[in-house]
């Protein structure tokens, strides 16, 4: 797949590492997001022939997406470069998003790929913070900051961020992000930052307070070994209602079997190749392949990769 981009004024916190680390042809010096597999209107990734993802889904149907996928394309995969901290956000669940916007909610997960010394994530509120404190603080802007819980992270860490969880990506981080296919983001606080026009970005206080759950926090991955031999290692990082996520490492022909019920997405973090009986596809560092549900056995070779599939509620 070929990515779409969020950059410039859309990502004032973005940097240059998507190009420096992965060699991607980014459109701006402040490119925050490479949308590797996306069916979001206006931000669609494309195949190597230039066809947007919705056209591929329309052409191949469940042969591409899988027999368990009944609606539109359910997942969105990004690589994300946070040179500066992102806003403090909270995402709605399916019920709220559909009732108010006619869209999916947004449950998501992060895998830390690179982290500068001292880099951290905002993971919910501190112990003992009440909803009343949050409501009062939101009205006073900077008063939100001391309520936030910060967690230091390092490469390899993985976290699931359920709906209603207050969170923020700190500066100095390069992340893999898998989420429901949704462009809904409610900003609770943006560090008093102004955009290129000198004005603060829009906040969504009412919506944030509608959906936030004060006691909710991201869930750290508990890796489960699935496979280990000369072909490589495979471990499950997350198993959520919306997606599963696996890490592949030290691979030399590790087999990936198709699942007729669901497509898969493989991101070669350090490059690699997918091979089949009569061919192969080289993947650059940070390259992503969309694997059809009605496919055939593939073999992956490369130092490391992340493999995700839709979950039962996708």
Protein backbone atom coordinates (compact mmCIF):
# COMPACT_ATOMS: atom_id res chain seq x y z
CA UNK A 1 0.00 0.00 0.00
CA UNK A 2 0.98 3.64 -0.56
CA UNK A 3 0.11 5.99 2.33
CA UNK A 4 -1.96 9.11 2.65
CA UNK A 5 -0.57 11.91 4.81
CA UNK A 6 -1.57 14.26 7.60
CA UNK A 7 0.94 17.08 7.79
CA UNK A 8 1.58 20.80 8.11
CA UNK A 9 -1.18 22.67 9.93
CA UNK A 10 -3.00 19.37 10.54
CA UNK A 11 -0.05 18.05 12.57
CA UNK A 12 1.87 21.02 14.05
CA UNK A 13 3.49 18.52 16.41
CA UNK A 14 4.88 16.40 13.54
CA UNK A 15 8.51 16.07 12.51
CA UNK A 16 10.83 14.54 9.93
CA UNK A 17 11.42 11.01 11.21
CA UNK A 18 8.97 9.30 8.87
CA UNK A 19 11.40 10.33 6.14
CA UNK A 20 14.62 10.01 8.14
CA UNK A 21 13.85 6.59 9.64
CA UNK A 22 11.68 4.97 6.98
CA UNK A 23 12.69 6.87 3.85
CA UNK A 24 9.09 7.88 3.15
CA UNK A 25 8.40 10.61 0.62
CA UNK A 26 6.74 12.94 3.11
CA UNK A 27 5.05 16.11 1.82
CA UNK A 28 6.10 18.49 4.63
CA UNK A 29 8.84 19.04 7.20
CA UNK A 30 6.13 18.68 9.85
CA UNK A 31 4.51 15.42 8.73
CA UNK A 32 2.94 13.73 11.69
CA UNK A 33 1.09 10.78 10.19
CA UNK A 34 1.61 8.26 7.42
CA UNK A 35 -1.78 6.59 6.96
CA UNK A 36 -0.53 3.24 5.70
CA UNK A 37 -3.92 1.54 5.34
CA UNK A 38 -6.83 3.96 5.41
CA UNK A 39 -10.31 4.10 3.94
CA UNK A 40 -11.14 7.48 5.55
CA UNK A 41 -12.60 9.75 2.83
CA UNK A 42 -10.01 12.26 1.70
CA UNK A 43 -7.24 10.33 3.45
CA UNK A 44 -7.25 7.03 1.56
CA UNK A 45 -4.19 4.89 1.04
CA UNK A 46 -3.71 3.38 -2.41
CA UNK A 47 -2.29 0.28 -4.00
CA UNK A 48 0.81 0.42 -6.18
CA UNK A 49 -1.41 1.07 -9.20
CA UNK A 50 -2.90 4.17 -7.59
CA UNK A 51 -6.33 2.75 -6.77
CA UNK A 52 -7.77 4.01 -3.46
CA UNK A 53 -8.72 1.46 -0.85
CA UNK A 54 -12.48 1.92 -1.25
CA UNK A 55 -12.16 0.96 -4.93
CA UNK A 56 -10.26 -2.19 -4.01
CA UNK A 57 -12.97 -3.13 -1.48
CA UNK A 58 -15.66 -2.47 -4.09
CA UNK A 59 -13.81 -4.55 -6.68
CA UNK A 60 -12.93 -7.57 -4.55
CA UNK A 61 -15.50 -7.44 -1.73
CA UNK A 62 -15.21 -10.14 0.90
CA UNK A 63 -12.44 -11.86 -1.04
CA UNK A 64 -10.36 -8.94 0.22
CA UNK A 65 -11.98 -8.08 3.55
CA UNK A 66 -13.22 -11.51 4.69
CA UNK A 67 -16.55 -13.20 5.31
CA UNK A 68 -16.78 -11.80 8.87
CA UNK A 69 -16.59 -8.18 7.68
CA UNK A 70 -20.13 -7.04 6.91
CA UNK A 71 -19.82 -3.26 6.73
CA UNK A 72 -17.22 -0.87 5.35
CA UNK A 73 -13.47 -1.26 5.89
CA UNK A 74 -13.06 -1.40 9.69
CA UNK A 75 -9.43 -0.52 10.50
CA UNK A 76 -6.99 2.37 10.09
CA UNK A 77 -3.24 1.90 10.44
CA UNK A 78 -0.77 4.77 10.90
CA UNK A 79 2.88 5.43 11.53
CA UNK A 80 3.14 8.53 13.66
CA UNK A 81 6.04 10.93 14.37
CA UNK A 82 5.52 13.13 17.43
CA UNK A 83 8.31 15.71 17.51
CA UNK A 84 6.19 17.60 20.06
CA UNK A 85 3.34 16.40 22.30
CA UNK A 86 -0.06 15.82 20.77
CA UNK A 87 -3.17 17.27 22.36
CA UNK A 88 -4.83 15.59 25.33
CA UNK A 89 -7.65 13.61 23.74
CA UNK A 90 -10.50 11.27 24.45
CA UNK A 91 -12.32 9.15 21.87
CA UNK A 92 -15.95 8.07 21.73
CA UNK A 93 -17.24 4.52 21.54
CA UNK A 94 -19.44 3.19 18.76
CA UNK A 95 -22.76 4.07 20.39
CA UNK A 96 -21.94 7.76 20.94
CA UNK A 97 -20.18 8.15 17.58
CA UNK A 98 -23.05 6.60 15.63
CA UNK A 99 -25.74 8.49 17.51
CA UNK A 100 -24.08 11.90 17.07
CA UNK A 101 -21.99 11.57 13.90
CA UNK A 102 -23.09 8.44 12.05
CA UNK A 103 -19.56 7.05 12.35
CA UNK A 104 -17.58 4.38 14.14
CA UNK A 105 -16.04 5.08 17.50
CA UNK A 106 -12.31 4.94 18.05
CA UNK A 107 -10.60 2.27 20.12
CA UNK A 108 -6.90 2.22 19.30
CA UNK A 109 -3.48 0.84 20.25
CA UNK A 110 0.11 2.06 20.10
CA UNK A 111 3.44 0.30 19.71
CA UNK A 112 6.48 2.43 20.55
CA UNK A 113 9.05 2.16 17.76
CA UNK A 114 11.53 4.84 18.90
CA UNK A 115 11.65 6.94 22.06
CA UNK A 116 13.97 9.75 23.00
CA UNK A 117 15.33 9.82 26.54
CA UNK A 118 12.57 10.84 28.95
CA UNK A 119 9.73 10.36 26.43
CA UNK A 120 6.35 9.62 27.98
CA UNK A 121 2.66 9.13 27.33
CA UNK A 122 -0.34 10.58 29.13
CA UNK A 123 -2.27 7.52 30.28
CA UNK A 124 -5.47 8.57 32.00
CA UNK A 125 -5.79 10.66 35.17
CA UNK A 126 -3.85 10.33 38.39
CA UNK A 127 -5.23 8.21 41.21
CA UNK A 128 -8.06 9.82 43.12
CA UNK A 129 -8.99 12.43 40.51
CA UNK A 130 -12.76 12.91 40.40
CA UNK A 131 -15.01 13.79 37.51
CA UNK A 132 -15.88 17.07 39.23
CA UNK A 133 -12.19 18.02 39.34
CA UNK A 134 -11.85 17.28 35.64
CA UNK A 135 -14.90 19.40 34.76
CA UNK A 136 -13.59 22.36 36.78
CA UNK A 137 -10.08 21.96 35.36
CA UNK A 138 -11.29 21.80 31.76
CA UNK A 139 -12.85 25.21 32.20
CA UNK A 140 -9.53 26.59 33.49
CA UNK A 141 -7.33 25.20 30.70
CA UNK A 142 -3.85 24.70 32.28
CA UNK A 143 -5.53 23.33 35.39
CA UNK A 144 -5.88 20.04 33.49
CA UNK A 145 -2.12 19.41 33.48
CA UNK A 146 -1.57 18.41 37.12
CA UNK A 147 -4.42 15.89 36.92
CA UNK A 148 -2.77 13.87 34.16
CA UNK A 149 -0.90 10.61 34.71
CA UNK A 150 2.37 10.34 32.77
CA UNK A 151 4.10 7.06 32.02
CA UNK A 152 7.66 6.70 30.70
CA UNK A 153 7.93 4.39 27.69
CA UNK A 154 10.62 2.69 25.64
CA UNK A 155 10.77 0.94 22.25
CA UNK A 156 8.70 -2.23 22.15
CA UNK A 157 6.06 -1.06 24.63
CA UNK A 158 2.49 -1.61 23.42
CA UNK A 159 -0.73 -0.20 24.88
CA UNK A 160 -4.44 -0.49 24.13
CA UNK A 161 -6.44 2.74 24.58
CA UNK A 162 -10.13 1.96 25.09
CA UNK A 163 -12.87 4.46 24.31
CA UNK A 164 -13.33 7.12 26.97
CA UNK A 165 -9.68 7.00 28.10
CA UNK A 166 -7.92 10.37 28.35
CA UNK A 167 -4.54 10.11 26.65
CA UNK A 168 -1.80 12.01 24.84
CA UNK A 169 1.32 11.09 22.91
CA UNK A 170 4.37 12.87 24.25
CA UNK A 171 7.13 14.45 22.20
CA UNK A 172 10.13 12.46 20.99
CA UNK A 173 8.16 9.34 20.02
CA UNK A 174 7.79 7.34 16.82
CA UNK A 175 4.74 5.07 16.99
CA UNK A 176 2.77 2.41 15.16
CA UNK A 177 -0.97 3.00 15.69
CA UNK A 178 -3.82 0.65 14.86
CA UNK A 179 -7.40 1.81 15.42
CA UNK A 180 -10.97 1.54 14.28
CA UNK A 181 -11.51 3.35 11.01
CA UNK A 182 -12.67 6.69 12.39
CA UNK A 183 -11.60 10.31 12.13
CA UNK A 184 -13.30 11.36 15.38
CA UNK A 185 -10.97 13.00 17.92
CA UNK A 186 -12.11 15.13 20.86
CA UNK A 187 -9.47 17.50 22.24
CA UNK A 188 -9.72 18.16 25.96
CA UNK A 189 -6.55 20.26 26.19
CA UNK A 190 -3.76 21.37 23.81
CA UNK A 191 -0.96 22.68 26.07
CA UNK A 192 -1.88 26.35 25.28
CA UNK A 193 -0.43 25.76 21.82
CA UNK A 194 -1.19 28.01 18.86
CA UNK A 195 -1.19 27.05 15.19
CA UNK A 196 0.69 28.63 12.33
CA UNK A 197 -1.97 31.34 12.22
CA UNK A 198 -1.26 32.26 15.83
CA UNK A 199 -4.63 30.99 17.02
CA UNK A 200 -5.26 28.07 19.39
CA UNK A 201 -6.68 24.91 17.87
CA UNK A 202 -10.30 24.04 18.55
CA UNK A 203 -11.11 22.16 21.74
CA UNK A 204 -14.12 19.87 22.19
CA UNK A 205 -14.86 20.22 25.89
CA UNK A 206 -18.52 19.23 25.84
CA UNK A 207 -17.90 16.15 23.70
CA UNK A 208 -14.84 15.16 25.75
CA UNK A 209 -16.74 15.40 29.01
CA UNK A 210 -19.65 13.47 27.49
CA UNK A 211 -17.53 10.42 26.75
CA UNK A 212 -14.58 10.41 29.17
CA UNK A 213 -14.29 7.79 31.87
CA UNK A 214 -12.21 9.21 34.69
CA UNK A 215 -10.95 5.85 35.96
CA UNK A 216 -10.09 4.38 32.55
CA UNK A 217 -6.45 3.87 31.61
CA UNK A 218 -4.59 2.31 28.69
CA UNK A 219 -3.98 -1.42 29.00
CA UNK A 220 -0.36 -2.55 28.64
CA UNK A 221 0.31 -5.51 26.37
CA UNK A 222 0.90 -8.90 27.94
CA UNK A 223 2.81 -10.74 25.18
CA UNK A 224 1.81 -14.36 24.60
CA UNK A 225 4.26 -16.59 22.67
CA UNK A 226 2.62 -18.26 19.66
CA UNK A 227 5.52 -19.68 17.66
CA UNK A 228 9.31 -19.95 17.91
CA UNK A 229 11.68 -21.93 15.71
CA UNK A 230 14.24 -21.40 12.96
CA UNK A 231 11.56 -19.68 10.84
CA UNK A 232 11.12 -16.94 13.43
CA UNK A 233 9.25 -15.88 16.54
CA UNK A 234 5.62 -14.81 16.80
CA UNK A 235 3.87 -13.38 19.84
CA UNK A 236 0.45 -11.89 20.44
CA UNK A 237 0.61 -8.42 21.95
CA UNK A 238 -3.08 -7.51 22.10
CA UNK A 239 -6.39 -9.31 21.63
CA UNK A 240 -9.20 -6.74 21.72
CA UNK A 241 -12.80 -6.73 20.46
CA UNK A 242 -11.72 -4.55 17.50
CA UNK A 243 -8.37 -5.97 16.43
CA UNK A 244 -5.63 -8.42 17.31
CA UNK A 245 -1.97 -7.46 17.11
CA UNK A 246 1.06 -9.73 16.82
CA UNK A 247 4.80 -9.09 16.72
CA UNK A 248 7.02 -11.12 14.39
CA UNK A 249 10.79 -11.16 14.88
CA UNK A 250 13.95 -12.79 13.48
CA UNK A 251 11.94 -14.22 10.60
CA UNK A 252 13.34 -16.44 7.85
CA UNK A 253 10.33 -17.71 5.94
CA UNK A 254 7.80 -17.54 8.78
CA UNK A 255 4.48 -18.71 7.37
CA UNK A 256 1.42 -16.46 7.47
CA UNK A 257 -1.74 -18.38 6.64
CA UNK A 258 -4.81 -16.63 5.21
CA UNK A 259 -7.98 -16.36 7.27
CA UNK A 260 -11.06 -16.47 5.04
CA UNK A 261 -12.99 -14.56 7.71
CA UNK A 262 -10.65 -11.55 8.00
CA UNK A 263 -7.93 -9.69 6.12
CA UNK A 264 -4.52 -9.03 7.68
CA UNK A 265 -2.14 -6.08 7.59
CA UNK A 266 1.61 -6.59 7.86
CA UNK A 267 4.05 -3.74 8.51
CA UNK A 268 7.73 -4.57 8.05
CA UNK A 269 9.25 -2.33 10.71
CA UNK A 270 12.82 -2.99 9.57
CA UNK A 271 12.07 -4.06 6.00
CA UNK A 272 11.75 -7.56 4.64
CA UNK A 273 9.96 -9.61 2.03
CA UNK A 274 6.80 -11.65 1.54
CA UNK A 275 7.15 -14.75 -0.63
CA UNK A 276 4.72 -17.24 -2.14
CA UNK A 277 5.07 -20.24 -4.45
CA UNK A 278 5.84 -18.32 -7.63
CA UNK A 279 6.78 -14.83 -6.51
CA UNK A 280 7.87 -12.36 -3.85
CA UNK A 281 7.25 -8.79 -2.73
CA UNK A 282 10.03 -6.72 -1.20
CA UNK A 283 8.88 -4.42 1.60
CA UNK A 284 10.96 -1.36 2.48
CA UNK A 285 11.60 -0.36 6.07
CA UNK A 286 8.24 0.77 7.41
CA UNK A 287 6.40 -0.65 4.38
CA UNK A 288 2.90 -2.10 4.77
CA UNK A 289 1.09 -4.85 2.85
CA UNK A 290 -2.65 -5.53 2.95
CA UNK A 291 -3.13 -9.32 2.86
CA UNK A 292 -6.47 -10.45 1.37
CA UNK A 293 -8.65 -12.84 3.34
CA UNK A 294 -9.10 -15.11 0.32
CA UNK A 295 -5.37 -15.37 -0.29
CA UNK A 296 -2.77 -18.08 -0.07
CA UNK A 297 0.02 -18.97 2.35
CA UNK A 298 2.81 -16.40 2.54
CA UNK A 299 6.27 -16.53 4.06
CA UNK A 300 7.76 -13.47 5.72
CA UNK A 301 11.47 -12.83 6.09
CA UNK A 302 12.81 -9.84 7.98
CA UNK A 303 14.06 -8.65 11.38
CA UNK A 304 10.71 -7.47 12.73
CA UNK A 305 7.11 -6.84 11.73
CA UNK A 306 3.70 -6.13 13.22
CA UNK A 307 0.67 -8.10 12.02
CA UNK A 308 -2.91 -7.07 12.79
CA UNK A 309 -6.36 -8.46 11.97
CA UNK A 310 -9.90 -7.22 12.69
CA UNK A 311 -11.49 -8.49 15.88
CA UNK A 312 -15.05 -9.79 16.37
CA UNK A 313 -16.56 -6.30 16.80
CA UNK A 314 -14.79 -4.73 13.82
